[in-house]
N, C-alpha and C. Protein backbone atom coordinates (compact mmCIF):
# COMPACT_ATOMS: atom_id res chain seq x y z
N MET A 1 104.21 -20.79 -39.65
CA MET A 1 102.82 -20.63 -39.30
C MET A 1 101.94 -20.67 -40.54
N ARG A 2 102.40 -20.02 -41.62
CA ARG A 2 101.65 -20.07 -42.87
C ARG A 2 101.58 -21.48 -43.42
N PHE A 3 102.67 -22.20 -43.26
CA PHE A 3 102.70 -23.57 -43.74
C PHE A 3 101.66 -24.41 -43.02
N LEU A 4 101.57 -24.23 -41.72
CA LEU A 4 100.57 -24.97 -40.93
C LEU A 4 99.15 -24.60 -41.33
N PHE A 5 98.92 -23.32 -41.60
CA PHE A 5 97.60 -22.87 -42.05
C PHE A 5 97.21 -23.58 -43.35
N TRP A 6 98.11 -23.56 -44.33
CA TRP A 6 97.80 -24.18 -45.61
C TRP A 6 97.72 -25.70 -45.49
N LEU A 7 98.49 -26.26 -44.58
CA LEU A 7 98.45 -27.71 -44.36
C LEU A 7 97.07 -28.14 -43.86
N LEU A 8 96.43 -27.28 -43.08
CA LEU A 8 95.09 -27.58 -42.58
C LEU A 8 93.98 -27.08 -43.51
N ALA A 9 94.20 -25.96 -44.18
CA ALA A 9 93.16 -25.35 -45.01
C ALA A 9 92.92 -26.11 -46.31
N LEU A 10 93.97 -26.58 -46.95
CA LEU A 10 93.79 -27.25 -48.24
C LEU A 10 92.95 -28.53 -48.14
N PRO A 11 93.22 -29.41 -47.19
CA PRO A 11 92.35 -30.59 -47.08
C PRO A 11 90.90 -30.22 -46.72
N LEU A 12 90.72 -29.19 -45.91
CA LEU A 12 89.36 -28.76 -45.55
C LEU A 12 88.64 -28.22 -46.79
N LEU A 13 89.32 -27.42 -47.59
CA LEU A 13 88.72 -26.91 -48.83
C LEU A 13 88.41 -28.04 -49.80
N ALA A 14 89.28 -29.03 -49.88
CA ALA A 14 89.02 -30.18 -50.75
C ALA A 14 87.79 -30.96 -50.28
N ALA A 15 87.65 -31.11 -48.96
CA ALA A 15 86.48 -31.81 -48.42
C ALA A 15 85.20 -31.03 -48.69
N ILE A 16 85.24 -29.72 -48.57
CA ILE A 16 84.06 -28.89 -48.84
C ILE A 16 83.69 -28.97 -50.32
N ALA A 17 84.69 -28.95 -51.20
CA ALA A 17 84.42 -29.06 -52.64
C ALA A 17 83.82 -30.42 -52.98
N ALA A 18 84.36 -31.50 -52.40
CA ALA A 18 83.82 -32.83 -52.65
C ALA A 18 82.39 -32.94 -52.12
N PHE A 19 82.13 -32.35 -50.97
CA PHE A 19 80.78 -32.35 -50.39
C PHE A 19 79.81 -31.62 -51.32
N ALA A 20 80.23 -30.48 -51.85
CA ALA A 20 79.37 -29.69 -52.73
C ALA A 20 79.08 -30.43 -54.04
N VAL A 21 80.08 -31.12 -54.57
CA VAL A 21 79.88 -31.85 -55.82
C VAL A 21 78.94 -33.04 -55.64
N THR A 22 79.02 -33.73 -54.53
CA THR A 22 78.19 -34.92 -54.31
C THR A 22 76.79 -34.60 -53.83
N ASN A 23 76.52 -33.38 -53.35
CA ASN A 23 75.20 -33.02 -52.83
C ASN A 23 74.59 -31.88 -53.66
N ARG A 24 74.45 -32.13 -54.96
CA ARG A 24 73.91 -31.11 -55.86
C ARG A 24 72.41 -31.22 -56.05
N ALA A 25 71.77 -32.17 -55.44
CA ALA A 25 70.33 -32.38 -55.64
C ALA A 25 69.55 -31.16 -55.14
N PRO A 26 68.50 -30.77 -55.88
CA PRO A 26 67.72 -29.61 -55.43
C PRO A 26 66.85 -29.95 -54.22
N VAL A 27 66.75 -28.97 -53.33
CA VAL A 27 65.96 -29.10 -52.11
C VAL A 27 65.02 -27.90 -52.05
N ALA A 28 63.77 -28.17 -51.69
CA ALA A 28 62.81 -27.07 -51.53
C ALA A 28 63.00 -26.48 -50.14
N LEU A 29 63.36 -25.22 -50.10
CA LEU A 29 63.58 -24.53 -48.83
C LEU A 29 62.39 -23.63 -48.56
N GLU A 30 61.69 -23.94 -47.48
CA GLU A 30 60.47 -23.19 -47.14
C GLU A 30 60.61 -22.70 -45.70
N LEU A 31 60.52 -21.41 -45.52
CA LEU A 31 60.56 -20.83 -44.18
C LEU A 31 59.12 -20.63 -43.73
N TRP A 32 58.74 -21.26 -42.65
CA TRP A 32 57.36 -21.43 -42.24
C TRP A 32 56.48 -20.18 -42.28
N PRO A 33 56.82 -19.07 -41.61
CA PRO A 33 55.83 -17.99 -41.64
C PRO A 33 55.75 -17.28 -42.98
N LEU A 34 56.75 -17.44 -43.81
CA LEU A 34 56.75 -16.76 -45.11
C LEU A 34 56.15 -17.68 -46.18
N PRO A 35 55.44 -17.12 -47.15
CA PRO A 35 54.81 -17.95 -48.17
C PRO A 35 55.75 -18.34 -49.32
N PHE A 36 57.03 -18.01 -49.21
CA PHE A 36 57.95 -18.26 -50.31
C PHE A 36 58.58 -19.64 -50.20
N VAL A 37 58.83 -20.25 -51.34
CA VAL A 37 59.54 -21.53 -51.41
C VAL A 37 60.69 -21.34 -52.40
N ALA A 38 61.89 -21.71 -51.97
CA ALA A 38 63.06 -21.58 -52.84
C ALA A 38 63.65 -22.96 -53.09
N THR A 39 64.02 -23.22 -54.30
CA THR A 39 64.68 -24.48 -54.64
C THR A 39 66.16 -24.20 -54.80
N VAL A 40 66.95 -24.79 -53.88
CA VAL A 40 68.40 -24.55 -53.85
C VAL A 40 69.11 -25.90 -53.73
N PRO A 41 70.38 -25.97 -54.11
CA PRO A 41 71.13 -27.22 -53.93
C PRO A 41 71.29 -27.56 -52.45
N ALA A 42 71.33 -28.83 -52.14
CA ALA A 42 71.42 -29.29 -50.75
C ALA A 42 72.70 -28.80 -50.07
N PHE A 43 73.81 -28.81 -50.80
CA PHE A 43 75.07 -28.39 -50.19
C PHE A 43 75.01 -26.93 -49.75
N LEU A 44 74.27 -26.10 -50.49
CA LEU A 44 74.17 -24.69 -50.14
C LEU A 44 73.44 -24.50 -48.81
N VAL A 45 72.37 -25.25 -48.63
CA VAL A 45 71.61 -25.17 -47.37
C VAL A 45 72.50 -25.58 -46.20
N ILE A 46 73.23 -26.66 -46.36
CA ILE A 46 74.05 -27.18 -45.26
C ILE A 46 75.23 -26.24 -44.98
N LEU A 47 75.90 -25.77 -46.02
CA LEU A 47 77.06 -24.89 -45.81
C LEU A 47 76.65 -23.54 -45.23
N VAL A 48 75.51 -23.00 -45.65
CA VAL A 48 75.04 -21.73 -45.09
C VAL A 48 74.68 -21.92 -43.61
N ALA A 49 74.02 -23.03 -43.29
CA ALA A 49 73.69 -23.30 -41.89
C ALA A 49 74.95 -23.46 -41.05
N LEU A 50 75.96 -24.13 -41.59
CA LEU A 50 77.23 -24.30 -40.89
C LEU A 50 77.92 -22.95 -40.66
N ALA A 51 77.96 -22.13 -41.70
CA ALA A 51 78.59 -20.80 -41.58
C ALA A 51 77.83 -19.93 -40.58
N LEU A 52 76.51 -20.01 -40.61
CA LEU A 52 75.70 -19.23 -39.66
C LEU A 52 75.97 -19.67 -38.22
N GLY A 53 76.05 -20.97 -38.00
CA GLY A 53 76.36 -21.48 -36.67
C GLY A 53 77.74 -21.07 -36.19
N MET A 54 78.71 -21.09 -37.10
CA MET A 54 80.06 -20.66 -36.73
C MET A 54 80.09 -19.18 -36.39
N GLY A 55 79.33 -18.37 -37.15
CA GLY A 55 79.27 -16.93 -36.88
C GLY A 55 78.63 -16.64 -35.53
N ILE A 56 77.56 -17.34 -35.21
CA ILE A 56 76.91 -17.14 -33.91
C ILE A 56 77.83 -17.58 -32.78
N GLY A 57 78.52 -18.69 -32.97
CA GLY A 57 79.47 -19.15 -31.95
C GLY A 57 80.62 -18.19 -31.74
N ALA A 58 81.15 -17.64 -32.83
CA ALA A 58 82.25 -16.67 -32.73
C ALA A 58 81.79 -15.41 -32.02
N ALA A 59 80.56 -14.95 -32.31
CA ALA A 59 80.03 -13.76 -31.65
C ALA A 59 79.84 -14.01 -30.16
N ALA A 60 79.35 -15.19 -29.80
CA ALA A 60 79.17 -15.52 -28.38
C ALA A 60 80.51 -15.58 -27.65
N ALA A 61 81.52 -16.16 -28.29
CA ALA A 61 82.85 -16.22 -27.67
C ALA A 61 83.43 -14.83 -27.49
N TRP A 62 83.26 -13.96 -28.50
CA TRP A 62 83.78 -12.61 -28.42
C TRP A 62 83.10 -11.82 -27.30
N LEU A 63 81.78 -11.97 -27.19
CA LEU A 63 81.05 -11.25 -26.15
C LEU A 63 81.42 -11.76 -24.76
N SER A 64 81.62 -13.07 -24.62
CA SER A 64 81.94 -13.61 -23.30
C SER A 64 83.33 -13.20 -22.83
N ALA A 65 84.21 -12.84 -23.75
CA ALA A 65 85.57 -12.43 -23.37
C ALA A 65 85.67 -10.92 -23.15
N GLY A 66 84.56 -10.21 -23.14
CA GLY A 66 84.58 -8.75 -23.01
C GLY A 66 85.21 -8.27 -21.71
N MET A 67 84.84 -8.90 -20.59
CA MET A 67 85.40 -8.45 -19.29
C MET A 67 86.89 -8.72 -19.24
N ARG A 68 87.35 -9.83 -19.82
CA ARG A 68 88.77 -10.13 -19.83
C ARG A 68 89.53 -9.10 -20.66
N ARG A 69 88.98 -8.71 -21.81
CA ARG A 69 89.64 -7.69 -22.64
C ARG A 69 89.70 -6.35 -21.91
N ARG A 70 88.64 -6.00 -21.20
CA ARG A 70 88.62 -4.73 -20.46
C ARG A 70 89.69 -4.75 -19.36
N GLU A 71 89.83 -5.88 -18.66
CA GLU A 71 90.84 -5.99 -17.61
C GLU A 71 92.25 -5.90 -18.20
N MET A 72 92.45 -6.50 -19.35
CA MET A 72 93.77 -6.44 -19.99
C MET A 72 94.10 -5.02 -20.44
N ARG A 73 93.12 -4.27 -20.93
CA ARG A 73 93.36 -2.87 -21.29
C ARG A 73 93.72 -2.06 -20.05
N ARG A 74 93.01 -2.30 -18.94
CA ARG A 74 93.30 -1.58 -17.70
C ARG A 74 94.72 -1.89 -17.23
N ARG A 75 95.10 -3.16 -17.28
CA ARG A 75 96.45 -3.54 -16.88
C ARG A 75 97.50 -2.94 -17.81
N GLY A 76 97.21 -2.88 -19.08
CA GLY A 76 98.15 -2.28 -20.04
C GLY A 76 98.38 -0.81 -19.74
N ARG A 77 97.29 -0.08 -19.42
CA ARG A 77 97.45 1.33 -19.06
C ARG A 77 98.27 1.48 -17.79
N ARG A 78 98.05 0.59 -16.82
CA ARG A 78 98.80 0.64 -15.56
C ARG A 78 100.29 0.37 -15.82
N ILE A 79 100.58 -0.60 -16.67
CA ILE A 79 101.97 -0.91 -17.01
C ILE A 79 102.63 0.28 -17.68
N ASP A 80 101.93 0.91 -18.61
CA ASP A 80 102.48 2.09 -19.28
C ASP A 80 102.80 3.20 -18.28
N ALA A 81 101.88 3.43 -17.34
CA ALA A 81 102.11 4.47 -16.33
C ALA A 81 103.31 4.13 -15.46
N LEU A 82 103.44 2.87 -15.07
CA LEU A 82 104.58 2.48 -14.23
C LEU A 82 105.89 2.56 -15.00
N GLU A 83 105.90 2.20 -16.28
CA GLU A 83 107.12 2.32 -17.07
C GLU A 83 107.53 3.78 -17.23
N THR A 84 106.56 4.66 -17.40
CA THR A 84 106.87 6.09 -17.48
C THR A 84 107.46 6.57 -16.17
N GLU A 85 106.89 6.13 -15.07
CA GLU A 85 107.40 6.53 -13.75
C GLU A 85 108.82 6.02 -13.54
N VAL A 86 109.10 4.79 -13.96
CA VAL A 86 110.46 4.24 -13.83
C VAL A 86 111.44 5.07 -14.66
N GLN A 87 111.06 5.45 -15.87
CA GLN A 87 111.95 6.27 -16.70
C GLN A 87 112.23 7.61 -16.05
N ILE A 88 111.22 8.23 -15.47
CA ILE A 88 111.40 9.51 -14.79
C ILE A 88 112.35 9.37 -13.61
N LEU A 89 112.14 8.32 -12.82
CA LEU A 89 113.01 8.10 -11.66
C LEU A 89 114.44 7.80 -12.08
N ARG A 90 114.63 7.04 -13.14
CA ARG A 90 115.98 6.75 -13.60
C ARG A 90 116.67 8.02 -14.08
N ARG A 91 115.91 8.88 -14.77
CA ARG A 91 116.47 10.15 -15.23
C ARG A 91 116.88 11.01 -14.04
N ARG A 92 116.03 11.04 -13.00
CA ARG A 92 116.36 11.84 -11.82
C ARG A 92 117.58 11.28 -11.10
N ILE A 93 117.72 9.96 -11.06
CA ILE A 93 118.89 9.35 -10.43
C ILE A 93 120.14 9.69 -11.23
N ALA A 94 120.04 9.62 -12.55
CA ALA A 94 121.20 9.92 -13.39
C ALA A 94 121.61 11.38 -13.26
N GLU A 95 120.66 12.27 -13.05
CA GLU A 95 120.98 13.69 -12.88
C GLU A 95 121.58 13.96 -11.51
N GLY A 96 121.43 13.03 -10.57
CA GLY A 96 122.05 13.17 -9.25
C GLY A 96 121.33 14.09 -8.31
N ASP A 97 120.03 14.04 -8.30
CA ASP A 97 119.32 14.94 -7.37
C ASP A 97 119.00 14.25 -6.05
N GLY A 98 119.77 13.21 -5.70
CA GLY A 98 119.66 12.63 -4.37
C GLY A 98 118.84 11.37 -4.28
N LEU A 99 118.18 10.95 -5.32
CA LEU A 99 117.36 9.74 -5.22
C LEU A 99 118.21 8.49 -5.15
N GLY A 100 119.36 8.48 -5.77
CA GLY A 100 120.19 7.29 -5.80
C GLY A 100 121.16 7.18 -4.65
N GLN A 101 121.24 8.17 -3.80
CA GLN A 101 122.21 8.17 -2.71
C GLN A 101 121.59 7.49 -1.49
N THR A 102 122.47 6.86 -0.71
CA THR A 102 121.98 6.23 0.52
C THR A 102 121.72 7.32 1.55
N PRO A 103 120.69 7.18 2.31
CA PRO A 103 120.37 8.22 3.29
C PRO A 103 121.39 8.24 4.43
N GLY A 104 121.66 9.41 4.94
CA GLY A 104 122.58 9.58 6.05
C GLY A 104 121.89 9.24 7.38
N PRO A 105 122.60 9.41 8.49
CA PRO A 105 121.98 9.09 9.79
C PRO A 105 120.82 10.03 10.07
N ARG A 106 119.81 9.49 10.71
CA ARG A 106 118.65 10.30 11.05
C ARG A 106 118.95 11.16 12.26
N PRO A 107 118.41 12.33 12.30
CA PRO A 107 118.60 13.16 13.49
C PRO A 107 117.82 12.55 14.66
N ALA A 108 118.38 12.69 15.85
CA ALA A 108 117.74 12.13 17.05
C ALA A 108 116.47 12.90 17.35
N ARG A 109 115.47 12.17 17.81
CA ARG A 109 114.22 12.82 18.18
C ARG A 109 114.32 13.40 19.58
N ALA A 110 113.72 14.50 19.74
CA ALA A 110 113.69 15.11 21.07
C ALA A 110 112.64 14.37 21.89
N LEU A 111 112.99 14.05 23.14
CA LEU A 111 112.04 13.37 24.01
C LEU A 111 111.08 14.39 24.60
N VAL A 112 109.84 14.12 24.41
CA VAL A 112 108.81 14.98 24.97
C VAL A 112 108.32 14.30 26.23
N ALA A 113 108.23 15.05 27.29
CA ALA A 113 107.83 14.49 28.58
C ALA A 113 106.47 13.82 28.46
N GLY A 114 106.40 12.59 28.94
CA GLY A 114 105.14 11.86 28.98
C GLY A 114 104.84 11.07 27.72
N THR A 115 105.64 11.17 26.69
CA THR A 115 105.33 10.45 25.46
C THR A 115 106.07 9.13 25.37
N GLN A 116 107.25 9.04 26.01
CA GLN A 116 107.97 7.78 25.99
C GLN A 116 108.40 7.45 27.41
N ARG A 117 108.41 6.17 27.72
CA ARG A 117 108.80 5.75 29.05
C ARG A 117 110.32 5.71 29.18
N GLU A 118 110.77 6.01 30.32
CA GLU A 118 112.20 5.92 30.58
C GLU A 118 112.50 4.52 31.06
N ARG A 119 113.62 3.99 30.63
CA ARG A 119 114.00 2.63 31.04
C ARG A 119 114.72 2.71 32.37
N ALA A 120 114.40 1.78 33.22
CA ALA A 120 115.04 1.80 34.56
C ALA A 120 116.27 0.94 34.59
């Protein structure tokens, strides 16, 4: 997995470095409502805008997955509760308190007059 990361990261870093070297020309950066003007290299403006867009996209993806994460936490708690219950039942079966034994014959029900029909 690390090898794959570096296999993809190194060419990307090389491309970013080449982009920064070739776009060193100064650009006047002016934000409209503010009276300030900053002169910065062109690559800096583009890379900051790219990073800002990626950050906003990552935040939107994280927020949209909130309900899914909540459902997964709920399911995880349910699984933990069921596993605990299974362990308790296995312990009770191993101790022999009757949970693992097959039930014997049921006692016959007494017929109450008028509750069941007699077969002819």
